[in-house]
Amino acid sequence: MGTRRNFTIRPVMASRWRRRRMCILIAESVAPAALREITGAHAFLETNARPAIGRIVELRHPEAGSIQGRVTEVKDDGIGISLDRGEGAVAFALAAIAADMS
């Protein structure tokens, strides 16, 4: 009678409609970065910069403003930074996500 549909939920922030706006990472020097993941607690940036783990860096997003975070991971394709989980970090994350979806 009816057809069954299988809906799969993928826990991924990015979609085919999401644009990644270029950001600026300020560490030892200024470097371009693309925001791959963002929450009020963590961000992952695709960048060629490789600041040391534990270093405080600043991330400037063209629409969300700027925020500071501490480098928690360094990978081949970018870096992870931890954010303070406060209202400012959550507001920054929401603004960045909204800007990337518009």
PDB file of N, CA and C in Angstrom:
ATOM      1  N   MET A   1       0.814  -1.182   0.000  1.00  0.00           N
ATOM      2  CA  MET A   1       0.000   0.000   0.000  1.00  0.00           C
ATOM      3  C   MET A   1       0.869   1.262   0.000  1.00  0.00           C
ATOM      4  N   GLY A   2       1.466   1.542   1.130  1.00  0.00           N
ATOM      5  CA  GLY A   2       2.299   2.729   1.212  1.00  0.00           C
ATOM      6  C   GLY A   2       3.764   2.379   1.033  1.00  0.00           C
ATOM      7  N   THR A   3       4.525   3.366   0.706  1.00  0.00           N
ATOM      8  CA  THR A   3       5.961   3.135   0.591  1.00  0.00           C
ATOM      9  C   THR A   3       6.637   3.579   1.874  1.00  0.00           C
ATOM     10  N   ARG A   4       7.681   2.899   2.202  1.00  0.00           N
ATOM     11  CA  ARG A   4       8.467   3.264   3.379  1.00  0.00           C
ATOM     12  C   ARG A   4       9.600   4.186   2.958  1.00  0.00           C
ATOM     13  N   ARG A   5       9.831   5.143   3.773  1.00  0.00           N
ATOM     14  CA  ARG A   5      10.951   6.048   3.517  1.00  0.00           C
ATOM     15  C   ARG A   5      11.916   5.942   4.680  1.00  0.00           C
ATOM     16  N   ASN A   6      13.157   5.920   4.351  1.00  0.00           N
ATOM     17  CA  ASN A   6      14.196   5.857   5.368  1.00  0.00           C
ATOM     18  C   ASN A   6      14.861   7.226   5.451  1.00  0.00           C
ATOM     19  N   PHE A   7      14.617   7.927   6.542  1.00  0.00           N
ATOM     20  CA  PHE A   7      15.230   9.237   6.739  1.00  0.00           C
ATOM     21  C   PHE A   7      16.440   9.064   7.640  1.00  0.00           C
ATOM     22  N   THR A   8      17.578   9.453   7.135  1.00  0.00           N
ATOM     23  CA  THR A   8      18.814   9.355   7.900  1.00  0.00           C
ATOM     24  C   THR A   8      19.197  10.742   8.383  1.00  0.00           C
ATOM     25  N   ILE A   9      19.449  10.859   9.655  1.00  0.00           N
ATOM     26  CA  ILE A   9      19.859  12.135  10.225  1.00  0.00           C
ATOM     27  C   ILE A   9      21.377  12.121  10.357  1.00  0.00           C
ATOM     28  N   ARG A  10      21.989  13.112   9.792  1.00  0.00           N
ATOM     29  CA  ARG A  10      23.444  13.225   9.867  1.00  0.00           C
ATOM     30  C   ARG A  10      23.798  14.376  10.781  1.00  0.00           C
ATOM     31  N   PRO A  11      24.594  14.134  11.800  1.00  0.00           N
ATOM     32  CA  PRO A  11      24.961  15.210  12.727  1.00  0.00           C
ATOM     33  C   PRO A  11      26.096  16.064  12.174  1.00  0.00           C
ATOM     34  N   VAL A  12      25.809  16.799  11.101  1.00  0.00           N
ATOM     35  CA  VAL A  12      26.818  17.614  10.453  1.00  0.00           C
ATOM     36  C   VAL A  12      26.322  19.046  10.398  1.00  0.00           C
ATOM     37  N   MET A  13      27.180  19.992  10.753  1.00  0.00           N
ATOM     38  CA  MET A  13      26.772  21.385  10.733  1.00  0.00           C
ATOM     39  C   MET A  13      26.659  21.911   9.304  1.00  0.00           C
ATOM     40  N   ALA A  14      27.617  21.583   8.473  1.00  0.00           N
ATOM     41  CA  ALA A  14      27.635  22.128   7.123  1.00  0.00           C
ATOM     42  C   ALA A  14      26.629  21.401   6.239  1.00  0.00           C
ATOM     43  N   SER A  15      26.045  22.120   5.349  1.00  0.00           N
ATOM     44  CA  SER A  15      25.154  21.531   4.363  1.00  0.00           C
ATOM     45  C   SER A  15      25.568  22.051   3.005  1.00  0.00           C
ATOM     46  N   ARG A  16      24.937  21.551   1.970  1.00  0.00           N
ATOM     47  CA  ARG A  16      25.307  22.026   0.644  1.00  0.00           C
ATOM     48  C   ARG A  16      24.893  23.472   0.427  1.00  0.00           C
ATOM     49  N   TRP A  17      24.043  24.018   1.307  1.00  0.00           N
ATOM     50  CA  TRP A  17      23.615  25.409   1.192  1.00  0.00           C
ATOM     51  C   TRP A  17      24.489  26.352   2.004  1.00  0.00           C
ATOM     52  N   ARG A  18      25.343  25.826   2.834  1.00  0.00           N
ATOM     53  CA  ARG A  18      26.142  26.669   3.721  1.00  0.00           C
ATOM     54  C   ARG A  18      27.375  27.194   3.001  1.00  0.00           C
ATOM     55  N   ARG A  19      27.584  28.479   3.091  1.00  0.00           N
ATOM     56  CA  ARG A  19      28.799  29.091   2.551  1.00  0.00           C
ATOM     57  C   ARG A  19      29.751  29.340   3.698  1.00  0.00           C
ATOM     58  N   ARG A  20      30.999  29.102   3.485  1.00  0.00           N
ATOM     59  CA  ARG A  20      31.994  29.402   4.512  1.00  0.00           C
ATOM     60  C   ARG A  20      32.621  30.747   4.201  1.00  0.00           C
ATOM     61  N   ARG A  21      32.385  31.694   5.073  1.00  0.00           N
ATOM     62  CA  ARG A  21      32.996  33.003   4.892  1.00  0.00           C
ATOM     63  C   ARG A  21      34.429  32.946   5.404  1.00  0.00           C
ATOM     64  N   MET A  22      35.288  33.638   4.723  1.00  0.00           N
ATOM     65  CA  MET A  22      36.680  33.664   5.150  1.00  0.00           C
ATOM     66  C   MET A  22      36.813  34.524   6.400  1.00  0.00           C
ATOM     67  N   CYS A  23      37.569  34.010   7.335  1.00  0.00           N
ATOM     68  CA  CYS A  23      37.829  34.693   8.595  1.00  0.00           C
ATOM     69  C   CYS A  23      39.304  35.061   8.648  1.00  0.00           C
ATOM     70  N   ILE A  24      39.664  35.769   9.668  1.00  0.00           N
ATOM     71  CA  ILE A  24      41.061  36.101   9.912  1.00  0.00           C
ATOM     72  C   ILE A  24      41.439  35.524  11.263  1.00  0.00           C
ATOM     73  N   LEU A  25      42.534  34.788  11.288  1.00  0.00           N
ATOM     74  CA  LEU A  25      43.075  34.230  12.527  1.00  0.00           C
ATOM     75  C   LEU A  25      44.286  35.057  12.901  1.00  0.00           C
ATOM     76  N   ILE A  26      44.292  35.551  14.116  1.00  0.00           N
ATOM     77  CA  ILE A  26      45.422  36.336  14.598  1.00  0.00           C
ATOM     78  C   ILE A  26      46.109  35.538  15.690  1.00  0.00           C
ATOM     79  N   ALA A  27      47.321  35.093  15.389  1.00  0.00           N
ATOM     80  CA  ALA A  27      48.141  34.332  16.345  1.00  0.00           C
ATOM     81  C   ALA A  27      49.518  34.990  16.333  1.00  0.00           C
ATOM     82  N   GLU A  28      50.550  34.256  15.950  1.00  0.00           N
ATOM     83  CA  GLU A  28      51.872  34.866  15.811  1.00  0.00           C
ATOM     84  C   GLU A  28      51.855  35.893  14.688  1.00  0.00           C
ATOM     85  N   SER A  29      51.039  35.614  13.670  1.00  0.00           N
ATOM     86  CA  SER A  29      50.851  36.517  12.544  1.00  0.00           C
ATOM     87  C   SER A  29      49.386  36.415  12.121  1.00  0.00           C
ATOM     88  N   VAL A  30      49.020  37.155  11.114  1.00  0.00           N
ATOM     89  CA  VAL A  30      47.655  37.141  10.597  1.00  0.00           C
ATOM     90  C   VAL A  30      47.570  36.092   9.489  1.00  0.00           C
ATOM     91  N   ALA A  31      46.523  35.261   9.530  1.00  0.00           N
ATOM     92  CA  ALA A  31      46.370  34.206   8.528  1.00  0.00           C
ATOM     93  C   ALA A  31      44.895  34.059   8.170  1.00  0.00           C
ATOM     94  N   PRO A  32      44.600  33.723   6.922  1.00  0.00           N
ATOM     95  CA  PRO A  32      43.209  33.442   6.550  1.00  0.00           C
ATOM     96  C   PRO A  32      42.764  32.116   7.146  1.00  0.00           C
ATOM     97  N   ALA A  33      41.479  32.009   7.416  1.00  0.00           N
ATOM     98  CA  ALA A  33      40.919  30.777   7.988  1.00  0.00           C
ATOM     99  C   ALA A  33      39.473  30.640   7.545  1.00  0.00           C
ATOM    100  N   ALA A  34      39.032  29.401   7.387  1.00  0.00           N
ATOM    101  CA  ALA A  34      37.632  29.107   7.101  1.00  0.00           C
ATOM    102  C   ALA A  34      37.067  28.350   8.296  1.00  0.00           C
ATOM    103  N   LEU A  35      35.933  28.762   8.753  1.00  0.00           N
ATOM    104  CA  LEU A  35      35.294  28.174   9.922  1.00  0.00           C
ATOM    105  C   LEU A  35      34.557  26.908   9.504  1.00  0.00           C
ATOM    106  N   ARG A  36      35.076  25.743   9.894  1.00  0.00           N
ATOM    107  CA  ARG A  36      34.434  24.475   9.527  1.00  0.00           C
ATOM    108  C   ARG A  36      33.358  24.087  10.537  1.00  0.00           C
ATOM    109  N   GLU A  37      33.659  24.227  11.823  1.00  0.00           N
ATOM    110  CA  GLU A  37      32.709  23.879  12.897  1.00  0.00           C
ATOM    111  C   GLU A  37      32.731  24.987  13.931  1.00  0.00           C
ATOM    112  N   ILE A  38      31.574  25.233  14.542  1.00  0.00           N
ATOM    113  CA  ILE A  38      31.510  26.241  15.604  1.00  0.00           C
ATOM    114  C   ILE A  38      30.382  25.905  16.566  1.00  0.00           C
ATOM    115  N   THR A  39      30.675  25.991  17.854  1.00  0.00           N
ATOM    116  CA  THR A  39      29.684  25.924  18.930  1.00  0.00           C
ATOM    117  C   THR A  39      30.086  26.990  19.936  1.00  0.00           C
ATOM    118  N   GLY A  40      29.367  27.094  21.002  1.00  0.00           N
ATOM    119  CA  GLY A  40      29.748  28.035  22.051  1.00  0.00           C
ATOM    120  C   GLY A  40      30.967  27.576  22.828  1.00  0.00           C
ATOM    121  N   ALA A  41      31.395  26.326  22.606  1.00  0.00           N
ATOM    122  CA  ALA A  41      32.526  25.773  23.346  1.00  0.00           C
ATOM    123  C   ALA A  41      33.757  25.510  22.486  1.00  0.00           C
ATOM    124  N   HIS A  42      33.581  25.360  21.171  1.00  0.00           N
ATOM    125  CA  HIS A  42      34.692  24.910  20.337  1.00  0.00           C
ATOM    126  C   HIS A  42      34.520  25.404  18.905  1.00  0.00           C
ATOM    127  N   ALA A  43      35.645  25.596  18.243  1.00  0.00           N
ATOM    128  CA  ALA A  43      35.628  25.921  16.812  1.00  0.00           C
ATOM    129  C   ALA A  43      36.765  25.176  16.136  1.00  0.00           C
ATOM    130  N   PHE A  44      36.542  24.744  14.903  1.00  0.00           N
ATOM    131  CA  PHE A  44      37.622  24.167  14.100  1.00  0.00           C
ATOM    132  C   PHE A  44      37.794  25.038  12.876  1.00  0.00           C
ATOM    133  N   LEU A  45      39.025  25.466  12.635  1.00  0.00           N
ATOM    134  CA  LEU A  45      39.347  26.373  11.548  1.00  0.00           C
ATOM    135  C   LEU A  45      40.239  25.691  10.531  1.00  0.00           C
ATOM    136  N   GLU A  46      39.861  25.756   9.279  1.00  0.00           N
ATOM    137  CA  GLU A  46      40.743  25.299   8.211  1.00  0.00           C
ATOM    138  C   GLU A  46      41.697  26.439   7.921  1.00  0.00           C
ATOM    139  N   THR A  47      42.981  26.220   8.178  1.00  0.00           N
ATOM    140  CA  THR A  47      43.983  27.267   8.017  1.00  0.00           C
ATOM    141  C   THR A  47      45.353  26.642   7.865  1.00  0.00           C
ATOM    142  N   ASN A  48      46.270  27.409   7.305  1.00  0.00           N
ATOM    143  CA  ASN A  48      47.658  26.967   7.216  1.00  0.00           C
ATOM    144  C   ASN A  48      48.462  27.377   8.439  1.00  0.00           C
ATOM    145  N   ALA A  49      47.908  28.243   9.279  1.00  0.00           N
ATOM    146  CA  ALA A  49      48.595  28.669  10.502  1.00  0.00           C
ATOM    147  C   ALA A  49      48.670  27.500  11.480  1.00  0.00           C
ATOM    148  N   ARG A  50      49.740  27.403  12.209  1.00  0.00           N
ATOM    149  CA  ARG A  50      49.921  26.331  13.186  1.00  0.00           C
ATOM    150  C   ARG A  50      50.437  26.889  14.513  1.00  0.00           C
ATOM    151  N   PRO A  51      49.593  27.661  15.221  1.00  0.00           N
ATOM    152  CA  PRO A  51      50.027  28.152  16.538  1.00  0.00           C
ATOM    153  C   PRO A  51      50.147  26.990  17.517  1.00  0.00           C
ATOM    154  N   ALA A  52      50.944  27.175  18.528  1.00  0.00           N
ATOM    155  CA  ALA A  52      51.183  26.123  19.516  1.00  0.00           C
ATOM    156  C   ALA A  52      49.933  25.848  20.343  1.00  0.00           C
ATOM    157  N   ILE A  53      49.783  24.605  20.754  1.00  0.00           N
ATOM    158  CA  ILE A  53      48.683  24.237  21.648  1.00  0.00           C
ATOM    159  C   ILE A  53      48.828  25.031  22.941  1.00  0.00           C
ATOM    160  N   GLY A  54      47.710  25.572  23.398  1.00  0.00           N
ATOM    161  CA  GLY A  54      47.697  26.385  24.603  1.00  0.00           C
ATOM    162  C   GLY A  54      47.763  27.877  24.332  1.00  0.00           C
ATOM    163  N   ARG A  55      48.115  28.264  23.141  1.00  0.00           N
ATOM    164  CA  ARG A  55      48.237  29.680  22.795  1.00  0.00           C
ATOM    165  C   ARG A  55      46.851  30.317  22.644  1.00  0.00           C
ATOM    166  N   ILE A  56      46.728  31.551  23.108  1.00  0.00           N
ATOM    167  CA  ILE A  56      45.506  32.329  22.932  1.00  0.00           C
ATOM    168  C   ILE A  56      45.552  32.979  21.549  1.00  0.00           C
ATOM    169  N   VAL A  57      44.474  32.799  20.781  1.00  0.00           N
ATOM    170  CA  VAL A  57      44.377  33.376  19.435  1.00  0.00           C
ATOM    171  C   VAL A  57      43.078  34.163  19.329  1.00  0.00           C
ATOM    172  N   GLU A  58      42.996  34.995  18.315  1.00  0.00           N
ATOM    173  CA  GLU A  58      41.774  35.751  18.053  1.00  0.00           C
ATOM    174  C   GLU A  58      41.239  35.351  16.689  1.00  0.00           C
ATOM    175  N   LEU A  59      39.940  35.155  16.613  1.00  0.00           N
ATOM    176  CA  LEU A  59      39.271  34.834  15.365  1.00  0.00           C
ATOM    177  C   LEU A  59      38.350  35.995  15.016  1.00  0.00           C
ATOM    178  N   ARG A  60      38.512  36.530  13.797  1.00  0.00           N
ATOM    179  CA  ARG A  60      37.657  37.625  13.339  1.00  0.00           C
ATOM    180  C   ARG A  60      36.806  37.132  12.176  1.00  0.00           C
ATOM    181  N   HIS A  61      35.513  37.179  12.381  1.00  0.00           N
ATOM    182  CA  HIS A  61      34.545  36.772  11.360  1.00  0.00           C
ATOM    183  C   HIS A  61      33.956  38.051  10.775  1.00  0.00           C
ATOM    184  N   PRO A  62      33.772  38.120   9.455  1.00  0.00           N
ATOM    185  CA  PRO A  62      33.302  39.374   8.851  1.00  0.00           C
ATOM    186  C   PRO A  62      31.923  39.840   9.326  1.00  0.00           C
ATOM    187  N   GLU A  63      31.085  38.931   9.811  1.00  0.00           N
ATOM    188  CA  GLU A  63      29.753  39.335  10.257  1.00  0.00           C
ATOM    189  C   GLU A  63      29.506  39.077  11.738  1.00  0.00           C
ATOM    190  N   ALA A  64      30.185  38.085  12.319  1.00  0.00           N
ATOM    191  CA  ALA A  64      29.950  37.736  13.719  1.00  0.00           C
ATOM    192  C   ALA A  64      30.822  38.535  14.681  1.00  0.00           C
ATOM    193  N   GLY A  65      31.845  39.206  14.163  1.00  0.00           N
ATOM    194  CA  GLY A  65      32.735  39.967  15.026  1.00  0.00           C
ATOM    195  C   GLY A  65      34.000  39.190  15.345  1.00  0.00           C
ATOM    196  N   SER A  66      34.513  39.380  16.546  1.00  0.00           N
ATOM    197  CA  SER A  66      35.753  38.691  16.916  1.00  0.00           C
ATOM    198  C   SER A  66      35.606  38.022  18.272  1.00  0.00           C
ATOM    199  N   ILE A  67      36.416  37.001  18.469  1.00  0.00           N
ATOM    200  CA  ILE A  67      36.395  36.241  19.716  1.00  0.00           C
ATOM    201  C   ILE A  67      37.778  35.653  19.957  1.00  0.00           C
ATOM    202  N   GLN A  68      38.115  35.474  21.211  1.00  0.00           N
ATOM    203  CA  GLN A  68      39.384  34.837  21.559  1.00  0.00           C
ATOM    204  C   GLN A  68      39.139  33.405  21.993  1.00  0.00           C
ATOM    205  N   GLY A  69      40.119  32.576  21.736  1.00  0.00           N
ATOM    206  CA  GLY A  69      40.053  31.185  22.145  1.00  0.00           C
ATOM    207  C   GLY A  69      41.451  30.639  22.374  1.00  0.00           C
ATOM    208  N   ARG A  70      41.516  29.459  22.942  1.00  0.00           N
ATOM    209  CA  ARG A  70      42.790  28.790  23.219  1.00  0.00           C
ATOM    210  C   ARG A  70      42.924  27.601  22.274  1.00  0.00           C
ATOM    211  N   VAL A  71      44.083  27.465  21.639  1.00  0.00           N
ATOM    212  CA  VAL A  71      44.334  26.363  20.716  1.00  0.00           C
ATOM    213  C   VAL A  71      44.358  25.051  21.499  1.00  0.00           C
ATOM    214  N   THR A  72      43.530  24.095  21.081  1.00  0.00           N
ATOM    215  CA  THR A  72      43.452  22.799  21.763  1.00  0.00           C
ATOM    216  C   THR A  72      43.921  21.646  20.897  1.00  0.00           C
ATOM    217  N   GLU A  73      43.938  21.841  19.585  1.00  0.00           N
ATOM    218  CA  GLU A  73      44.408  20.775  18.700  1.00  0.00           C
ATOM    219  C   GLU A  73      44.981  21.381  17.428  1.00  0.00           C
ATOM    220  N   VAL A  74      45.974  20.699  16.890  1.00  0.00           N
ATOM    221  CA  VAL A  74      46.588  21.096  15.634  1.00  0.00           C
ATOM    222  C   VAL A  74      46.590  19.862  14.744  1.00  0.00           C
ATOM    223  N   LYS A  75      45.933  19.979  13.591  1.00  0.00           N
ATOM    224  CA  LYS A  75      45.846  18.866  12.644  1.00  0.00           C
ATOM    225  C   LYS A  75      46.417  19.298  11.303  1.00  0.00           C
ATOM    226  N   ASP A  76      46.488  18.373  10.371  1.00  0.00           N
ATOM    227  CA  ASP A  76      47.029  18.681   9.053  1.00  0.00           C
ATOM    228  C   ASP A  76      46.220  19.735   8.316  1.00  0.00           C
ATOM    229  N   ASP A  77      44.902  19.742   8.527  1.00  0.00           N
ATOM    230  CA  ASP A  77      44.048  20.652   7.772  1.00  0.00           C
ATOM    231  C   ASP A  77      43.581  21.875   8.557  1.00  0.00           C
ATOM    232  N   GLY A  78      44.029  22.032   9.802  1.00  0.00           N
ATOM    233  CA  GLY A  78      43.618  23.205  10.559  1.00  0.00           C
ATOM    234  C   GLY A  78      43.854  23.063  12.044  1.00  0.00           C
ATOM    235  N   ILE A  79      43.168  23.911  12.807  1.00  0.00           N
ATOM    236  CA  ILE A  79      43.345  23.918  14.262  1.00  0.00           C
ATOM    237  C   ILE A  79      41.980  23.957  14.955  1.00  0.00           C
ATOM    238  N   GLY A  80      41.949  23.431  16.166  1.00  0.00           N
ATOM    239  CA  GLY A  80      40.778  23.528  17.020  1.00  0.00           C
ATOM    240  C   GLY A  80      41.055  24.517  18.125  1.00  0.00           C
ATOM    241  N   ILE A  81      40.063  25.327  18.445  1.00  0.00           N
ATOM    242  CA  ILE A  81      40.207  26.253  19.561  1.00  0.00           C
ATOM    243  C   ILE A  81      39.023  26.090  20.509  1.00  0.00           C
ATOM    244  N   SER A  82      39.302  26.228  21.786  1.00  0.00           N
ATOM    245  CA  SER A  82      38.220  26.179  22.767  1.00  0.00           C
ATOM    246  C   SER A  82      37.765  27.600  23.064  1.00  0.00           C
ATOM    247  N   LEU A  83      36.470  27.749  23.262  1.00  0.00           N
ATOM    248  CA  LEU A  83      35.868  29.030  23.583  1.00  0.00           C
ATOM    249  C   LEU A  83      35.354  28.966  25.012  1.00  0.00           C
ATOM    250  N   ASP A  84      35.004  30.095  25.589  1.00  0.00           N
ATOM    251  CA  ASP A  84      34.665  30.137  27.017  1.00  0.00           C
ATOM    252  C   ASP A  84      33.258  29.665  27.382  1.00  0.00           C
ATOM    253  N   ARG A  85      32.435  29.298  26.413  1.00  0.00           N
ATOM    254  CA  ARG A  85      31.079  28.796  26.638  1.00  0.00           C
ATOM    255  C   ARG A  85      30.131  29.829  27.246  1.00  0.00           C
ATOM    256  N   GLY A  86      30.551  31.055  27.282  1.00  0.00           N
ATOM    257  CA  GLY A  86      29.701  32.119  27.825  1.00  0.00           C
ATOM    258  C   GLY A  86      28.732  32.644  26.784  1.00  0.00           C
ATOM    259  N   GLU A  87      27.963  33.655  27.184  1.00  0.00           N
ATOM    260  CA  GLU A  87      26.976  34.237  26.285  1.00  0.00           C
ATOM    261  C   GLU A  87      27.618  34.807  25.023  1.00  0.00           C
ATOM    262  N   GLY A  88      28.786  35.414  25.175  1.00  0.00           N
ATOM    263  CA  GLY A  88      29.481  35.990  24.029  1.00  0.00           C
ATOM    264  C   GLY A  88      29.882  34.934  23.014  1.00  0.00           C
ATOM    265  N   ALA A  89      30.369  33.788  23.497  1.00  0.00           N
ATOM    266  CA  ALA A  89      30.785  32.705  22.603  1.00  0.00           C
ATOM    267  C   ALA A  89      29.575  32.105  21.885  1.00  0.00           C
ATOM    268  N   VAL A  90      28.480  31.941  22.607  1.00  0.00           N
ATOM    269  CA  VAL A  90      27.266  31.399  21.985  1.00  0.00           C
ATOM    270  C   VAL A  90      26.721  32.385  20.948  1.00  0.00           C
ATOM    271  N   ALA A  91      26.713  33.671  21.272  1.00  0.00           N
ATOM    272  CA  ALA A  91      26.243  34.684  20.324  1.00  0.00           C
ATOM    273  C   ALA A  91      27.131  34.721  19.084  1.00  0.00           C
ATOM    274  N   PHE A  92      28.454  34.613  19.271  1.00  0.00           N
ATOM    275  CA  PHE A  92      29.378  34.584  18.141  1.00  0.00           C
ATOM    276  C   PHE A  92      29.077  33.376  17.261  1.00  0.00           C
ATOM    277  N   ALA A  93      28.910  32.206  17.866  1.00  0.00           N
ATOM    278  CA  ALA A  93      28.641  30.981  17.107  1.00  0.00           C
ATOM    279  C   ALA A  93      27.339  31.086  16.323  1.00  0.00           C
ATOM    280  N   LEU A  94      26.288  31.573  16.956  1.00  0.00           N
ATOM    281  CA  LEU A  94      25.005  31.720  16.269  1.00  0.00           C
ATOM    282  C   LEU A  94      25.087  32.730  15.122  1.00  0.00           C
ATOM    283  N   ALA A  95      25.785  33.814  15.338  1.00  0.00           N
ATOM    284  CA  ALA A  95      25.928  34.826  14.289  1.00  0.00           C
ATOM    285  C   ALA A  95      26.737  34.274  13.105  1.00  0.00           C
ATOM    286  N   ALA A  96      27.789  33.505  13.394  1.00  0.00           N
ATOM    287  CA  ALA A  96      28.603  32.916  12.330  1.00  0.00           C
ATOM    288  C   ALA A  96      27.798  31.901  11.537  1.00  0.00           C
ATOM    289  N   ILE A  97      27.033  31.076  12.224  1.00  0.00           N
ATOM    290  CA  ILE A  97      26.204  30.069  11.536  1.00  0.00           C
ATOM    291  C   ILE A  97      25.153  30.755  10.684  1.00  0.00           C
ATOM    292  N   ALA A  98      24.471  31.750  11.242  1.00  0.00           N
ATOM    293  CA  ALA A  98      23.444  32.472  10.491  1.00  0.00           C
ATOM    294  C   ALA A  98      24.031  33.174   9.271  1.00  0.00           C
ATOM    295  N   ALA A  99      25.193  33.787   9.421  1.00  0.00           N
ATOM    296  CA  ALA A  99      25.828  34.479   8.290  1.00  0.00           C
ATOM    297  C   ALA A  99      26.220  33.495   7.197  1.00  0.00           C
ATOM    298  N   ASP A 100      26.667  32.325   7.575  1.00  0.00           N
ATOM    299  CA  ASP A 100      27.098  31.332   6.596  1.00  0.00           C
ATOM    300  C   ASP A 100      25.910  30.675   5.887  1.00  0.00           C
ATOM    301  N   MET A 101      24.716  30.797   6.440  1.00  0.00           N
ATOM    302  CA  MET A 101      23.536  30.200   5.819  1.00  0.00           C
ATOM    303  C   MET A 101      22.758  31.213   4.974  1.00  0.00           C
ATOM    304  N   SER A 102      23.127  32.464   5.079  1.00  0.00           N
ATOM    305  CA  SER A 102      22.373  33.480   4.327  1.00  0.00           C
ATOM    306  C   SER A 102      23.007  33.773   2.992  1.00  0.00           C
TER     307      SER A 102
END
